[in-house]
Amino acid sequence: MYDSGTRTLWHSLTGEPVIGELAFSDLRFTKLPLTLTTWGDWLEKNPETKVLDIDTGFDRNYRNLNKRGSAYYDYFNSPDWMFPTFHTNEVLGLKDRVLALVFDDFPKAYALEALQESPVVNDTVGGQELVITFNPIPEAARLYERGGHDFLPTQDPDVVLDEDGAEWRVEETGLVKSDGTETLIRLPGHVSYWFGWVAFHPDTELFGEIVTGAE
């Protein structure tokens, strides 16, 4: 990502400024939760959403229906990557998508394919108790504090059950108990290609697999 104010390039996987005025400083991005989902799924839950106009003023076609309006459609649907990488790990396909997160300098990744089989995951990473919810249709993964609970999936991907059978709603800002008495906050995590994540986090733990290090 490019910061036009200081003309600095920022590394999107580590949050570091790497080239420009702020490079080699102690500054880091503040990590925020991110949801990668479909427009239809998002609009159904958030019908008042404002959307950036596709007429951006730049020479990039967002109206090509064959490419579903995506500037990176060809890249997303190709097994190749744009730039060479010298650190890979083929325990997953290099362009397999993973939910990636770091707590207390401890990185962990969850393959979206594995989350299809386990749509609710209770885990602890770097001392942080967390729960992951996964909606398999839009392939949307969200991460929340667990608050000492153990959650189970239901037939509705937007509802989970705790150990007492109480229902919790999966919302963007938090996991909300159905009676409104408790909310577990959203935690930062994002979806990345495996080759990109493991190149900069070669010691990452992979959910359900053993990673022996990047090659």
N, C-alpha and C. Protein backbone atom coordinates (compact mmCIF):
# COMPACT_ATOMS: atom_id res chain seq x y z
N MET A 1 0.84 -1.20 0.00
CA MET A 1 0.00 0.00 0.00
C MET A 1 0.87 1.24 0.00
N TYR A 2 0.39 2.29 -0.66
CA TYR A 2 1.18 3.51 -0.85
C TYR A 2 0.57 4.66 -0.07
N ASP A 3 1.40 5.32 0.71
CA ASP A 3 1.00 6.49 1.49
C ASP A 3 1.46 7.74 0.73
N SER A 4 0.51 8.41 0.07
CA SER A 4 0.88 9.55 -0.77
C SER A 4 1.35 10.74 0.06
N GLY A 5 0.97 10.81 1.34
CA GLY A 5 1.40 11.93 2.17
C GLY A 5 2.89 11.94 2.42
N THR A 6 3.47 10.76 2.67
CA THR A 6 4.91 10.68 2.94
C THR A 6 5.66 9.92 1.84
N ARG A 7 4.91 9.49 0.81
CA ARG A 7 5.49 8.73 -0.30
C ARG A 7 6.19 7.48 0.22
N THR A 8 5.48 6.78 1.08
CA THR A 8 6.02 5.56 1.68
C THR A 8 5.21 4.35 1.22
N LEU A 9 5.91 3.26 0.94
CA LEU A 9 5.27 1.97 0.67
C LEU A 9 5.19 1.18 1.96
N TRP A 10 4.00 0.61 2.22
CA TRP A 10 3.76 -0.17 3.43
C TRP A 10 3.52 -1.62 3.06
N HIS A 11 4.09 -2.53 3.82
CA HIS A 11 3.91 -3.96 3.58
C HIS A 11 2.57 -4.40 4.18
N SER A 12 1.67 -4.90 3.34
CA SER A 12 0.31 -5.20 3.81
C SER A 12 0.25 -6.45 4.68
N LEU A 13 1.25 -7.33 4.63
CA LEU A 13 1.23 -8.54 5.45
C LEU A 13 1.91 -8.37 6.80
N THR A 14 2.83 -7.42 6.91
CA THR A 14 3.53 -7.22 8.18
C THR A 14 3.19 -5.89 8.83
N GLY A 15 2.59 -4.96 8.05
CA GLY A 15 2.24 -3.65 8.60
C GLY A 15 3.41 -2.70 8.74
N GLU A 16 4.56 -3.02 8.11
CA GLU A 16 5.76 -2.20 8.23
C GLU A 16 5.89 -1.23 7.05
N PRO A 17 6.42 -0.01 7.29
CA PRO A 17 6.81 0.86 6.19
C PRO A 17 8.16 0.39 5.65
N VAL A 18 8.23 0.08 4.36
CA VAL A 18 9.44 -0.58 3.85
C VAL A 18 10.25 0.28 2.87
N ILE A 19 9.62 1.22 2.18
CA ILE A 19 10.33 2.10 1.27
C ILE A 19 9.75 3.50 1.42
N GLY A 20 10.61 4.51 1.54
CA GLY A 20 10.13 5.88 1.64
C GLY A 20 10.53 6.53 2.95
N GLU A 21 9.93 7.67 3.19
CA GLU A 21 10.29 8.51 4.33
C GLU A 21 10.16 7.79 5.67
N LEU A 22 9.18 6.92 5.81
CA LEU A 22 8.92 6.28 7.10
C LEU A 22 9.58 4.91 7.24
N ALA A 23 10.29 4.45 6.21
CA ALA A 23 10.92 3.14 6.26
C ALA A 23 11.91 3.06 7.41
N PHE A 24 11.99 1.89 8.02
CA PHE A 24 12.91 1.60 9.13
C PHE A 24 12.53 2.33 10.41
N SER A 25 11.34 2.90 10.44
CA SER A 25 10.85 3.51 11.68
C SER A 25 10.17 2.43 12.52
N ASP A 26 9.71 2.80 13.70
CA ASP A 26 9.01 1.84 14.56
C ASP A 26 7.51 1.84 14.31
N LEU A 27 7.05 2.58 13.31
CA LEU A 27 5.63 2.65 13.02
C LEU A 27 5.12 1.32 12.48
N ARG A 28 3.90 0.95 12.84
CA ARG A 28 3.25 -0.24 12.32
C ARG A 28 1.77 0.07 12.13
N PHE A 29 1.16 -0.59 11.17
CA PHE A 29 -0.28 -0.46 11.02
C PHE A 29 -1.00 -0.93 12.27
N THR A 30 -2.12 -0.29 12.57
CA THR A 30 -3.05 -0.82 13.55
C THR A 30 -3.89 -1.88 12.84
N LYS A 31 -3.87 -3.09 13.35
CA LYS A 31 -4.60 -4.19 12.70
C LYS A 31 -6.08 -4.08 13.00
N LEU A 32 -6.89 -4.24 11.98
CA LEU A 32 -8.34 -4.16 12.10
C LEU A 32 -8.97 -5.44 11.54
N PRO A 33 -10.17 -5.78 11.97
CA PRO A 33 -10.86 -6.93 11.37
C PRO A 33 -11.22 -6.66 9.92
N LEU A 34 -11.20 -7.71 9.12
CA LEU A 34 -11.53 -7.60 7.70
C LEU A 34 -12.42 -8.76 7.30
N THR A 35 -13.46 -8.47 6.55
CA THR A 35 -14.33 -9.53 6.02
C THR A 35 -14.23 -9.56 4.51
N LEU A 36 -13.87 -10.70 3.96
CA LEU A 36 -13.90 -10.91 2.52
C LEU A 36 -15.12 -11.77 2.22
N THR A 37 -16.08 -11.20 1.52
CA THR A 37 -17.34 -11.89 1.29
C THR A 37 -17.88 -11.50 -0.08
N THR A 38 -19.08 -11.95 -0.40
CA THR A 38 -19.71 -11.56 -1.65
C THR A 38 -20.55 -10.31 -1.45
N TRP A 39 -20.76 -9.59 -2.53
CA TRP A 39 -21.59 -8.38 -2.46
C TRP A 39 -23.02 -8.75 -2.05
N GLY A 40 -23.54 -9.86 -2.58
CA GLY A 40 -24.91 -10.26 -2.26
C GLY A 40 -25.08 -10.55 -0.78
N ASP A 41 -24.12 -11.27 -0.19
CA ASP A 41 -24.20 -11.60 1.23
C ASP A 41 -24.10 -10.33 2.08
N TRP A 42 -23.19 -9.44 1.71
CA TRP A 42 -23.02 -8.20 2.48
C TRP A 42 -24.26 -7.32 2.39
N LEU A 43 -24.80 -7.17 1.18
CA LEU A 43 -25.94 -6.27 0.99
C LEU A 43 -27.17 -6.78 1.73
N GLU A 44 -27.34 -8.08 1.78
CA GLU A 44 -28.48 -8.64 2.50
C GLU A 44 -28.44 -8.26 3.98
N LYS A 45 -27.25 -8.25 4.55
CA LYS A 45 -27.10 -7.92 5.97
C LYS A 45 -26.98 -6.43 6.23
N ASN A 46 -26.54 -5.68 5.21
CA ASN A 46 -26.28 -4.24 5.38
C ASN A 46 -26.87 -3.48 4.19
N PRO A 47 -28.20 -3.41 4.10
CA PRO A 47 -28.84 -2.85 2.91
C PRO A 47 -28.60 -1.36 2.71
N GLU A 48 -28.16 -0.64 3.74
CA GLU A 48 -27.92 0.80 3.61
C GLU A 48 -26.47 1.13 3.27
N THR A 49 -25.70 0.14 2.87
CA THR A 49 -24.28 0.33 2.58
C THR A 49 -24.06 1.34 1.45
N LYS A 50 -23.10 2.24 1.64
CA LYS A 50 -22.66 3.13 0.57
C LYS A 50 -21.48 2.48 -0.14
N VAL A 51 -21.43 2.64 -1.47
CA VAL A 51 -20.42 1.95 -2.27
C VAL A 51 -19.62 2.97 -3.07
N LEU A 52 -18.33 2.76 -3.16
CA LEU A 52 -17.47 3.61 -3.97
C LEU A 52 -17.88 3.53 -5.44
N ASP A 53 -18.03 4.69 -6.09
CA ASP A 53 -18.41 4.74 -7.50
C ASP A 53 -17.36 4.03 -8.34
N ILE A 54 -17.81 3.16 -9.28
CA ILE A 54 -16.84 2.47 -10.13
C ILE A 54 -16.23 3.39 -11.17
N ASP A 55 -16.80 4.57 -11.40
CA ASP A 55 -16.18 5.56 -12.28
C ASP A 55 -15.18 6.35 -11.45
N THR A 56 -13.98 5.80 -11.33
CA THR A 56 -12.98 6.35 -10.41
C THR A 56 -12.19 7.51 -11.00
N GLY A 57 -12.24 7.69 -12.33
CA GLY A 57 -11.41 8.69 -12.96
C GLY A 57 -10.07 8.15 -13.42
N PHE A 58 -9.80 6.88 -13.10
CA PHE A 58 -8.56 6.24 -13.52
C PHE A 58 -8.84 5.26 -14.65
N ASP A 59 -7.80 4.94 -15.42
CA ASP A 59 -7.94 4.11 -16.60
C ASP A 59 -7.95 2.63 -16.20
N ARG A 60 -9.04 2.21 -15.57
CA ARG A 60 -9.22 0.81 -15.22
C ARG A 60 -10.69 0.50 -15.35
N ASN A 61 -11.02 -0.56 -16.10
CA ASN A 61 -12.40 -0.87 -16.43
C ASN A 61 -13.02 -1.74 -15.34
N TYR A 62 -13.98 -1.18 -14.60
CA TYR A 62 -14.71 -1.94 -13.60
C TYR A 62 -16.08 -2.39 -14.11
N ARG A 63 -16.35 -2.13 -15.39
CA ARG A 63 -17.67 -2.45 -15.93
C ARG A 63 -17.68 -3.73 -16.77
N ASN A 64 -16.54 -4.38 -16.95
CA ASN A 64 -16.47 -5.57 -17.78
C ASN A 64 -17.21 -6.72 -17.11
N LEU A 65 -18.39 -7.05 -17.62
CA LEU A 65 -19.22 -8.07 -16.98
C LEU A 65 -18.58 -9.44 -17.02
N ASN A 66 -17.77 -9.72 -18.06
CA ASN A 66 -17.10 -11.01 -18.13
C ASN A 66 -16.10 -11.18 -16.99
N LYS A 67 -15.65 -10.06 -16.43
CA LYS A 67 -14.69 -10.11 -15.34
C LYS A 67 -15.33 -9.72 -14.01
N ARG A 68 -16.66 -9.70 -13.99
CA ARG A 68 -17.42 -9.44 -12.76
C ARG A 68 -16.99 -8.15 -12.06
N GLY A 69 -16.49 -7.19 -12.84
CA GLY A 69 -16.15 -5.90 -12.26
C GLY A 69 -14.88 -5.89 -11.46
N SER A 70 -14.11 -6.97 -11.49
CA SER A 70 -12.90 -7.04 -10.67
C SER A 70 -11.67 -6.68 -11.48
N ALA A 71 -10.87 -5.74 -10.95
CA ALA A 71 -9.64 -5.36 -11.63
C ALA A 71 -8.62 -6.50 -11.62
N TYR A 72 -8.75 -7.42 -10.70
CA TYR A 72 -7.79 -8.52 -10.58
C TYR A 72 -8.43 -9.88 -10.90
N TYR A 73 -9.49 -9.88 -11.68
CA TYR A 73 -10.21 -11.13 -11.98
C TYR A 73 -9.27 -12.18 -12.58
N ASP A 74 -8.47 -11.78 -13.56
CA ASP A 74 -7.57 -12.74 -14.20
C ASP A 74 -6.58 -13.31 -13.20
N TYR A 75 -6.05 -12.47 -12.32
CA TYR A 75 -5.08 -12.94 -11.33
C TYR A 75 -5.74 -13.88 -10.33
N PHE A 76 -6.94 -13.53 -9.87
CA PHE A 76 -7.63 -14.38 -8.89
C PHE A 76 -7.93 -15.76 -9.47
N ASN A 77 -8.11 -15.84 -10.77
CA ASN A 77 -8.51 -17.10 -11.39
C ASN A 77 -7.36 -17.77 -12.14
N SER A 78 -6.14 -17.41 -11.81
CA SER A 78 -4.96 -18.02 -12.41
C SER A 78 -4.14 -18.69 -11.32
N PRO A 79 -3.47 -19.82 -11.63
CA PRO A 79 -2.61 -20.46 -10.63
C PRO A 79 -1.28 -19.75 -10.44
N ASP A 80 -1.00 -18.76 -11.30
CA ASP A 80 0.29 -18.05 -11.25
C ASP A 80 0.22 -16.84 -10.34
N TRP A 81 1.38 -16.33 -9.94
CA TRP A 81 1.45 -15.10 -9.17
C TRP A 81 2.19 -14.03 -9.97
N MET A 82 1.99 -12.76 -9.62
CA MET A 82 2.52 -11.65 -10.40
C MET A 82 4.03 -11.52 -10.29
N PHE A 83 4.55 -11.76 -9.07
CA PHE A 83 5.95 -11.50 -8.80
C PHE A 83 6.60 -12.76 -8.26
N PRO A 84 7.91 -12.95 -8.51
CA PRO A 84 8.58 -14.16 -8.00
C PRO A 84 8.65 -14.14 -6.48
N THR A 85 8.60 -15.34 -5.90
CA THR A 85 8.80 -15.47 -4.47
C THR A 85 9.86 -16.52 -4.23
N PHE A 86 10.73 -16.27 -3.26
CA PHE A 86 11.86 -17.16 -3.03
C PHE A 86 11.68 -18.00 -1.78
N HIS A 87 10.57 -17.82 -1.06
CA HIS A 87 10.29 -18.60 0.14
C HIS A 87 8.88 -19.16 0.01
N THR A 88 8.79 -20.46 -0.20
CA THR A 88 7.49 -21.09 -0.36
C THR A 88 7.38 -22.30 0.56
N ASN A 89 6.18 -22.78 0.73
CA ASN A 89 5.93 -24.01 1.48
C ASN A 89 4.73 -24.67 0.86
N GLU A 90 4.92 -25.86 0.31
CA GLU A 90 3.88 -26.51 -0.49
C GLU A 90 3.02 -27.46 0.32
N VAL A 91 2.95 -27.25 1.65
CA VAL A 91 2.00 -28.02 2.44
C VAL A 91 0.57 -27.68 2.00
N LEU A 92 0.39 -26.47 1.44
CA LEU A 92 -0.84 -26.06 0.76
C LEU A 92 -0.49 -25.64 -0.65
N GLY A 93 -1.50 -25.55 -1.52
CA GLY A 93 -1.28 -24.94 -2.82
C GLY A 93 -0.85 -23.50 -2.63
N LEU A 94 0.08 -23.01 -3.44
CA LEU A 94 0.67 -21.70 -3.20
C LEU A 94 -0.36 -20.58 -3.24
N LYS A 95 -1.44 -20.74 -4.02
CA LYS A 95 -2.48 -19.72 -4.05
C LYS A 95 -3.75 -20.15 -3.32
N ASP A 96 -3.64 -21.16 -2.47
CA ASP A 96 -4.75 -21.45 -1.57
C ASP A 96 -4.94 -20.27 -0.63
N ARG A 97 -6.18 -19.98 -0.30
CA ARG A 97 -6.47 -18.85 0.58
C ARG A 97 -6.55 -19.30 2.03
N VAL A 98 -6.00 -18.48 2.89
CA VAL A 98 -6.00 -18.79 4.32
C VAL A 98 -6.49 -17.57 5.10
N LEU A 99 -7.16 -17.84 6.23
CA LEU A 99 -7.42 -16.79 7.21
C LEU A 99 -6.17 -16.68 8.04
N ALA A 100 -5.53 -15.52 8.02
CA ALA A 100 -4.23 -15.33 8.64
C ALA A 100 -4.33 -14.38 9.83
N LEU A 101 -3.62 -14.69 10.90
CA LEU A 101 -3.66 -13.84 12.09
C LEU A 101 -2.37 -13.99 12.89
N VAL A 102 -2.10 -12.98 13.71
CA VAL A 102 -0.93 -12.99 14.59
C VAL A 102 -1.34 -12.42 15.94
N PHE A 103 -1.00 -13.14 17.00
CA PHE A 103 -1.19 -12.63 18.36
C PHE A 103 0.09 -12.90 19.15
N ASP A 104 0.59 -11.84 19.81
CA ASP A 104 1.81 -11.94 20.61
C ASP A 104 2.94 -12.53 19.78
N ASP A 105 3.07 -12.06 18.53
CA ASP A 105 4.11 -12.49 17.58
C ASP A 105 3.99 -13.97 17.22
N PHE A 106 2.83 -14.58 17.44
CA PHE A 106 2.63 -15.98 17.09
C PHE A 106 1.68 -16.03 15.89
N PRO A 107 2.17 -16.40 14.69
CA PRO A 107 1.32 -16.42 13.50
C PRO A 107 0.62 -17.77 13.33
N LYS A 108 -0.61 -17.72 12.85
CA LYS A 108 -1.34 -18.95 12.55
C LYS A 108 -2.22 -18.71 11.33
N ALA A 109 -2.44 -19.76 10.55
CA ALA A 109 -3.24 -19.67 9.33
C ALA A 109 -4.24 -20.82 9.29
N TYR A 110 -5.42 -20.52 8.75
CA TYR A 110 -6.50 -21.50 8.64
C TYR A 110 -6.93 -21.54 7.18
N ALA A 111 -6.67 -22.64 6.51
CA ALA A 111 -7.07 -22.76 5.11
C ALA A 111 -8.59 -22.66 5.00
N LEU A 112 -9.08 -21.87 4.05
CA LEU A 112 -10.53 -21.75 3.88
C LEU A 112 -11.15 -23.10 3.54
N GLU A 113 -10.40 -23.95 2.84
CA GLU A 113 -10.90 -25.28 2.53
C GLU A 113 -11.13 -26.09 3.81
N ALA A 114 -10.22 -25.94 4.79
CA ALA A 114 -10.39 -26.64 6.06
C ALA A 114 -11.58 -26.08 6.84
N LEU A 115 -11.81 -24.77 6.73
CA LEU A 115 -12.94 -24.16 7.42
C LEU A 115 -14.27 -24.59 6.82
N GLN A 116 -14.26 -25.01 5.55
CA GLN A 116 -15.49 -25.57 4.98
C GLN A 116 -15.92 -26.80 5.77
N GLU A 117 -14.95 -27.56 6.25
CA GLU A 117 -15.24 -28.77 7.02
C GLU A 117 -15.47 -28.46 8.49
N SER A 118 -14.88 -27.38 8.98
CA SER A 118 -14.99 -26.99 10.40
C SER A 118 -15.40 -25.52 10.46
N PRO A 119 -16.70 -25.21 10.27
CA PRO A 119 -17.12 -23.80 10.15
C PRO A 119 -17.07 -23.01 11.45
N VAL A 120 -16.89 -23.68 12.59
CA VAL A 120 -16.66 -22.99 13.85
C VAL A 120 -15.44 -23.62 14.50
N VAL A 121 -14.44 -22.79 14.81
CA VAL A 121 -13.19 -23.29 15.39
C VAL A 121 -12.92 -22.53 16.68
N ASN A 122 -12.84 -23.24 17.80
CA ASN A 122 -12.41 -22.68 19.08
C ASN A 122 -10.92 -22.91 19.21
N ASP A 123 -10.16 -21.85 19.48
CA ASP A 123 -8.71 -21.99 19.48
C ASP A 123 -8.09 -21.00 20.45
N THR A 124 -6.80 -21.17 20.72
CA THR A 124 -6.01 -20.20 21.47
C THR A 124 -4.71 -19.97 20.72
N VAL A 125 -4.40 -18.72 20.39
CA VAL A 125 -3.22 -18.38 19.62
C VAL A 125 -2.45 -17.30 20.36
N GLY A 126 -1.20 -17.57 20.68
CA GLY A 126 -0.39 -16.59 21.40
C GLY A 126 -1.03 -16.12 22.68
N GLY A 127 -1.71 -17.02 23.37
CA GLY A 127 -2.39 -16.68 24.61
C GLY A 127 -3.76 -16.05 24.44
N GLN A 128 -4.17 -15.78 23.20
CA GLN A 128 -5.47 -15.17 22.93
C GLN A 128 -6.51 -16.25 22.63
N GLU A 129 -7.53 -16.36 23.51
CA GLU A 129 -8.65 -17.25 23.21
C GLU A 129 -9.49 -16.64 22.10
N LEU A 130 -9.86 -17.45 21.12
CA LEU A 130 -10.61 -16.92 19.98
C LEU A 130 -11.53 -17.99 19.42
N VAL A 131 -12.51 -17.51 18.66
CA VAL A 131 -13.39 -18.41 17.91
C VAL A 131 -13.51 -17.86 16.49
N ILE A 132 -13.44 -18.76 15.53
CA ILE A 132 -13.60 -18.42 14.12
C ILE A 132 -14.94 -18.94 13.64
N THR A 133 -15.71 -18.10 12.97
CA THR A 133 -16.94 -18.53 12.31
C THR A 133 -16.75 -18.42 10.81
N PHE A 134 -17.32 -19.37 10.07
CA PHE A 134 -17.13 -19.40 8.62
C PHE A 134 -18.45 -19.67 7.94
N ASN A 135 -18.82 -18.77 7.03
CA ASN A 135 -20.01 -18.95 6.20
C ASN A 135 -19.57 -19.56 4.87
N PRO A 136 -19.91 -20.82 4.58
CA PRO A 136 -19.33 -21.50 3.42
C PRO A 136 -19.80 -21.00 2.07
N ILE A 137 -20.96 -20.35 1.99
CA ILE A 137 -21.44 -19.90 0.68
C ILE A 137 -20.63 -18.71 0.16
N PRO A 138 -20.55 -17.59 0.89
CA PRO A 138 -19.68 -16.49 0.45
C PRO A 138 -18.23 -16.68 0.87
N GLU A 139 -17.93 -17.78 1.58
CA GLU A 139 -16.59 -18.07 2.10
C GLU A 139 -16.08 -16.93 2.96
N ALA A 140 -16.93 -16.48 3.88
CA ALA A 140 -16.60 -15.35 4.76
C ALA A 140 -16.18 -15.87 6.13
N ALA A 141 -14.96 -15.55 6.54
CA ALA A 141 -14.43 -15.97 7.84
C ALA A 141 -14.34 -14.75 8.76
N ARG A 142 -14.79 -14.93 10.00
CA ARG A 142 -14.73 -13.85 10.99
C ARG A 142 -14.14 -14.40 12.28
N LEU A 143 -13.50 -13.53 13.02
CA LEU A 143 -12.71 -13.91 14.19
C LEU A 143 -13.15 -13.08 15.39
N TYR A 144 -13.39 -13.75 16.53
CA TYR A 144 -13.89 -13.06 17.72
C TYR A 144 -13.17 -13.55 18.97
N GLU A 145 -13.20 -12.73 20.03
CA GLU A 145 -12.82 -13.21 21.34
C GLU A 145 -13.74 -14.36 21.72
N ARG A 146 -13.22 -15.31 22.52
CA ARG A 146 -14.03 -16.47 22.90
C ARG A 146 -14.63 -16.34 24.29
N GLY A 147 -14.01 -15.54 25.14
CA GLY A 147 -14.57 -15.27 26.46
C GLY A 147 -14.78 -16.50 27.31
N GLY A 148 -13.93 -17.53 27.14
CA GLY A 148 -14.06 -18.73 27.94
C GLY A 148 -15.12 -19.70 27.46
N HIS A 149 -15.85 -19.36 26.40
CA HIS A 149 -16.90 -20.23 25.88
C HIS A 149 -16.33 -21.23 24.88
N ASP A 150 -17.09 -22.27 24.63
CA ASP A 150 -16.84 -23.20 23.53
C ASP A 150 -18.07 -23.21 22.65
N PHE A 151 -17.87 -22.84 21.38
CA PHE A 151 -18.99 -22.64 20.48
C PHE A 151 -19.15 -23.81 19.51
N LEU A 152 -20.39 -24.01 19.08
CA LEU A 152 -20.75 -25.03 18.11
C LEU A 152 -21.52 -24.40 16.95
N PRO A 153 -21.42 -24.96 15.74
CA PRO A 153 -22.17 -24.42 14.60
C PRO A 153 -23.63 -24.83 14.66
N THR A 154 -24.46 -24.10 13.90
CA THR A 154 -25.86 -24.45 13.69
C THR A 154 -26.11 -24.53 12.19
N GLN A 155 -27.33 -24.82 11.80
CA GLN A 155 -27.67 -24.84 10.37
C GLN A 155 -27.59 -23.44 9.76
N ASP A 156 -27.72 -22.42 10.60
CA ASP A 156 -27.61 -21.03 10.16
C ASP A 156 -26.18 -20.55 10.40
N PRO A 157 -25.41 -20.23 9.35
CA PRO A 157 -24.02 -19.82 9.54
C PRO A 157 -23.86 -18.50 10.30
N ASP A 158 -24.98 -17.77 10.48
CA ASP A 158 -24.92 -16.52 11.22
C ASP A 158 -25.32 -16.68 12.68
N VAL A 159 -25.47 -17.93 13.13
CA VAL A 159 -25.81 -18.22 14.52
C VAL A 159 -24.94 -19.37 15.02
N VAL A 160 -24.36 -19.20 16.21
CA VAL A 160 -23.61 -20.28 16.85
C VAL A 160 -24.19 -20.52 18.25
N LEU A 161 -23.88 -21.69 18.81
CA LEU A 161 -24.34 -22.05 20.15
C LEU A 161 -23.16 -22.13 21.09
N ASP A 162 -23.35 -21.68 22.35
CA ASP A 162 -22.30 -21.87 23.35
C ASP A 162 -22.51 -23.21 24.06
N GLU A 163 -21.66 -23.48 25.06
CA GLU A 163 -21.70 -24.77 25.75
C GLU A 163 -23.00 -25.01 26.51
N ASP A 164 -23.75 -23.95 26.77
CA ASP A 164 -25.04 -24.09 27.45
C ASP A 164 -26.22 -24.12 26.49
N GLY A 165 -25.96 -24.08 25.20
CA GLY A 165 -27.02 -24.10 24.21
C GLY A 165 -27.59 -22.74 23.87
N ALA A 166 -27.02 -21.67 24.44
CA ALA A 166 -27.50 -20.32 24.14
C ALA A 166 -27.05 -19.89 22.74
N GLU A 167 -27.91 -19.15 22.04
CA GLU A 167 -27.59 -18.70 20.70
C GLU A 167 -26.82 -17.37 20.73
N TRP A 168 -25.88 -17.23 19.80
CA TRP A 168 -25.11 -16.00 19.60
C TRP A 168 -25.18 -15.64 18.13
N ARG A 169 -25.37 -14.35 17.83
CA ARG A 169 -25.44 -13.88 16.45
C ARG A 169 -24.07 -13.44 15.97
N VAL A 170 -23.74 -13.87 14.76
CA VAL A 170 -22.47 -13.47 14.13
C VAL A 170 -22.69 -12.12 13.46
N GLU A 171 -22.09 -11.06 14.02
CA GLU A 171 -22.22 -9.71 13.46
C GLU A 171 -20.84 -9.14 13.17
N GLU A 172 -20.81 -8.06 12.42
CA GLU A 172 -19.52 -7.49 12.01
C GLU A 172 -18.75 -6.93 13.20
N THR A 173 -19.43 -6.35 14.15
CA THR A 173 -18.73 -5.70 15.26
C THR A 173 -18.47 -6.64 16.43
N GLY A 174 -19.19 -7.78 16.48
CA GLY A 174 -18.98 -8.69 17.59
C GLY A 174 -19.88 -9.90 17.50
N LEU A 175 -19.62 -10.85 18.38
CA LEU A 175 -20.47 -12.02 18.55
C LEU A 175 -21.44 -11.70 19.68
N VAL A 176 -22.72 -11.63 19.37
CA VAL A 176 -23.70 -11.06 20.29
C VAL A 176 -24.65 -12.15 20.79
N LYS A 177 -24.72 -12.30 22.12
CA LYS A 177 -25.64 -13.26 22.71
C LYS A 177 -27.07 -12.84 22.40
N SER A 178 -27.92 -13.82 22.12
CA SER A 178 -29.27 -13.52 21.62
C SER A 178 -30.10 -12.69 22.59
N ASP A 179 -29.83 -12.81 23.90
CA ASP A 179 -30.59 -12.00 24.86
C ASP A 179 -29.96 -10.63 25.09
N GLY A 180 -28.85 -10.34 24.36
CA GLY A 180 -28.23 -9.03 24.45
C GLY A 180 -27.41 -8.78 25.68
N THR A 181 -27.18 -9.81 26.51
CA THR A 181 -26.47 -9.60 27.78
C THR A 181 -24.96 -9.64 27.63
N GLU A 182 -24.45 -10.09 26.49
CA GLU A 182 -23.00 -10.24 26.35
C GLU A 182 -22.60 -10.08 24.89
N THR A 183 -21.48 -9.41 24.66
CA THR A 183 -20.91 -9.27 23.32
C THR A 183 -19.43 -9.59 23.39
N LEU A 184 -18.96 -10.42 22.48
CA LEU A 184 -17.55 -10.75 22.36
C LEU A 184 -16.99 -10.00 21.15
N ILE A 185 -15.94 -9.22 21.35
CA ILE A 185 -15.49 -8.28 20.32
C ILE A 185 -14.83 -9.01 19.16
N ARG A 186 -14.88 -8.36 18.03
CA ARG A 186 -14.22 -8.84 16.81
C ARG A 186 -12.72 -8.67 16.96
N LEU A 187 -11.97 -9.63 16.42
CA LEU A 187 -10.51 -9.59 16.47
C LEU A 187 -9.94 -9.44 15.06
N PRO A 188 -8.73 -8.90 14.93
CA PRO A 188 -8.15 -8.69 13.60
C PRO A 188 -7.67 -9.98 12.96
N GLY A 189 -7.99 -10.13 11.71
CA GLY A 189 -7.55 -11.25 10.89
C GLY A 189 -7.93 -10.95 9.46
N HIS A 190 -7.24 -11.53 8.49
CA HIS A 190 -7.58 -11.26 7.10
C HIS A 190 -7.27 -12.48 6.24
N VAL A 191 -7.85 -12.52 5.06
CA VAL A 191 -7.62 -13.62 4.12
C VAL A 191 -6.45 -13.27 3.22
N SER A 192 -5.53 -14.22 3.07
CA SER A 192 -4.33 -14.02 2.27
C SER A 192 -4.08 -15.26 1.42
N TYR A 193 -3.32 -15.09 0.35
CA TYR A 193 -2.80 -16.26 -0.35
C TYR A 193 -1.73 -16.91 0.51
N TRP A 194 -1.70 -18.25 0.50
CA TRP A 194 -0.74 -18.99 1.32
C TRP A 194 0.70 -18.61 1.00
N PHE A 195 1.04 -18.49 -0.28
CA PHE A 195 2.43 -18.22 -0.63
C PHE A 195 2.89 -16.87 -0.09
N GLY A 196 1.99 -15.89 -0.08
CA GLY A 196 2.35 -14.57 0.44
C GLY A 196 2.51 -14.59 1.94
N TRP A 197 1.56 -15.23 2.63
CA TRP A 197 1.62 -15.26 4.08
C TRP A 197 2.85 -16.02 4.58
N VAL A 198 3.09 -17.22 4.04
CA VAL A 198 4.17 -18.05 4.57
C VAL A 198 5.54 -17.50 4.20
N ALA A 199 5.63 -16.72 3.14
CA ALA A 199 6.92 -16.11 2.78
C ALA A 199 7.41 -15.16 3.87
N PHE A 200 6.47 -14.47 4.51
CA PHE A 200 6.85 -13.50 5.53
C PHE A 200 6.59 -14.02 6.95
N HIS A 201 5.95 -15.19 7.03
CA HIS A 201 5.75 -15.85 8.33
C HIS A 201 6.08 -17.33 8.18
N PRO A 202 7.34 -17.65 7.90
CA PRO A 202 7.71 -19.04 7.62
C PRO A 202 7.51 -19.98 8.80
N ASP A 203 7.44 -19.42 10.01
CA ASP A 203 7.24 -20.24 11.21
C ASP A 203 5.77 -20.32 11.60
N THR A 204 4.87 -19.98 10.67
CA THR A 204 3.44 -19.97 11.00
C THR A 204 2.95 -21.37 11.33
N GLU A 205 1.98 -21.44 12.23
CA GLU A 205 1.28 -22.69 12.49
C GLU A 205 0.08 -22.76 11.57
N LEU A 206 -0.16 -23.93 10.96
CA LEU A 206 -1.28 -24.10 10.06
C LEU A 206 -2.31 -25.00 10.71
N PHE A 207 -3.53 -24.54 10.78
CA PHE A 207 -4.61 -25.30 11.39
C PHE A 207 -4.74 -26.68 10.75
N GLY A 208 -4.57 -27.72 11.58
CA GLY A 208 -4.74 -29.08 11.09
C GLY A 208 -3.54 -29.67 10.38
N GLU A 209 -2.47 -28.90 10.23
CA GLU A 209 -1.29 -29.38 9.52
C GLU A 209 -0.03 -29.02 10.29
N ILE A 210 1.09 -29.68 9.94
CA ILE A 210 2.39 -29.35 10.50
C ILE A 210 3.20 -28.65 9.42
N VAL A 211 3.68 -27.44 9.72
CA VAL A 211 4.50 -26.69 8.79
C VAL A 211 5.95 -26.82 9.23
N THR A 212 6.80 -27.29 8.32
CA THR A 212 8.19 -27.55 8.69
C THR A 212 9.13 -26.42 8.33
N GLY A 213 8.60 -25.32 7.81
CA GLY A 213 9.46 -24.19 7.46
C GLY A 213 9.43 -23.94 5.96
N ALA A 214 9.72 -22.69 5.60
CA ALA A 214 9.71 -22.32 4.17
C ALA A 214 10.94 -22.85 3.47
N GLU A 215 10.78 -23.08 2.17
CA GLU A 215 11.89 -23.55 1.37
C GLU A 215 12.51 -22.39 0.61
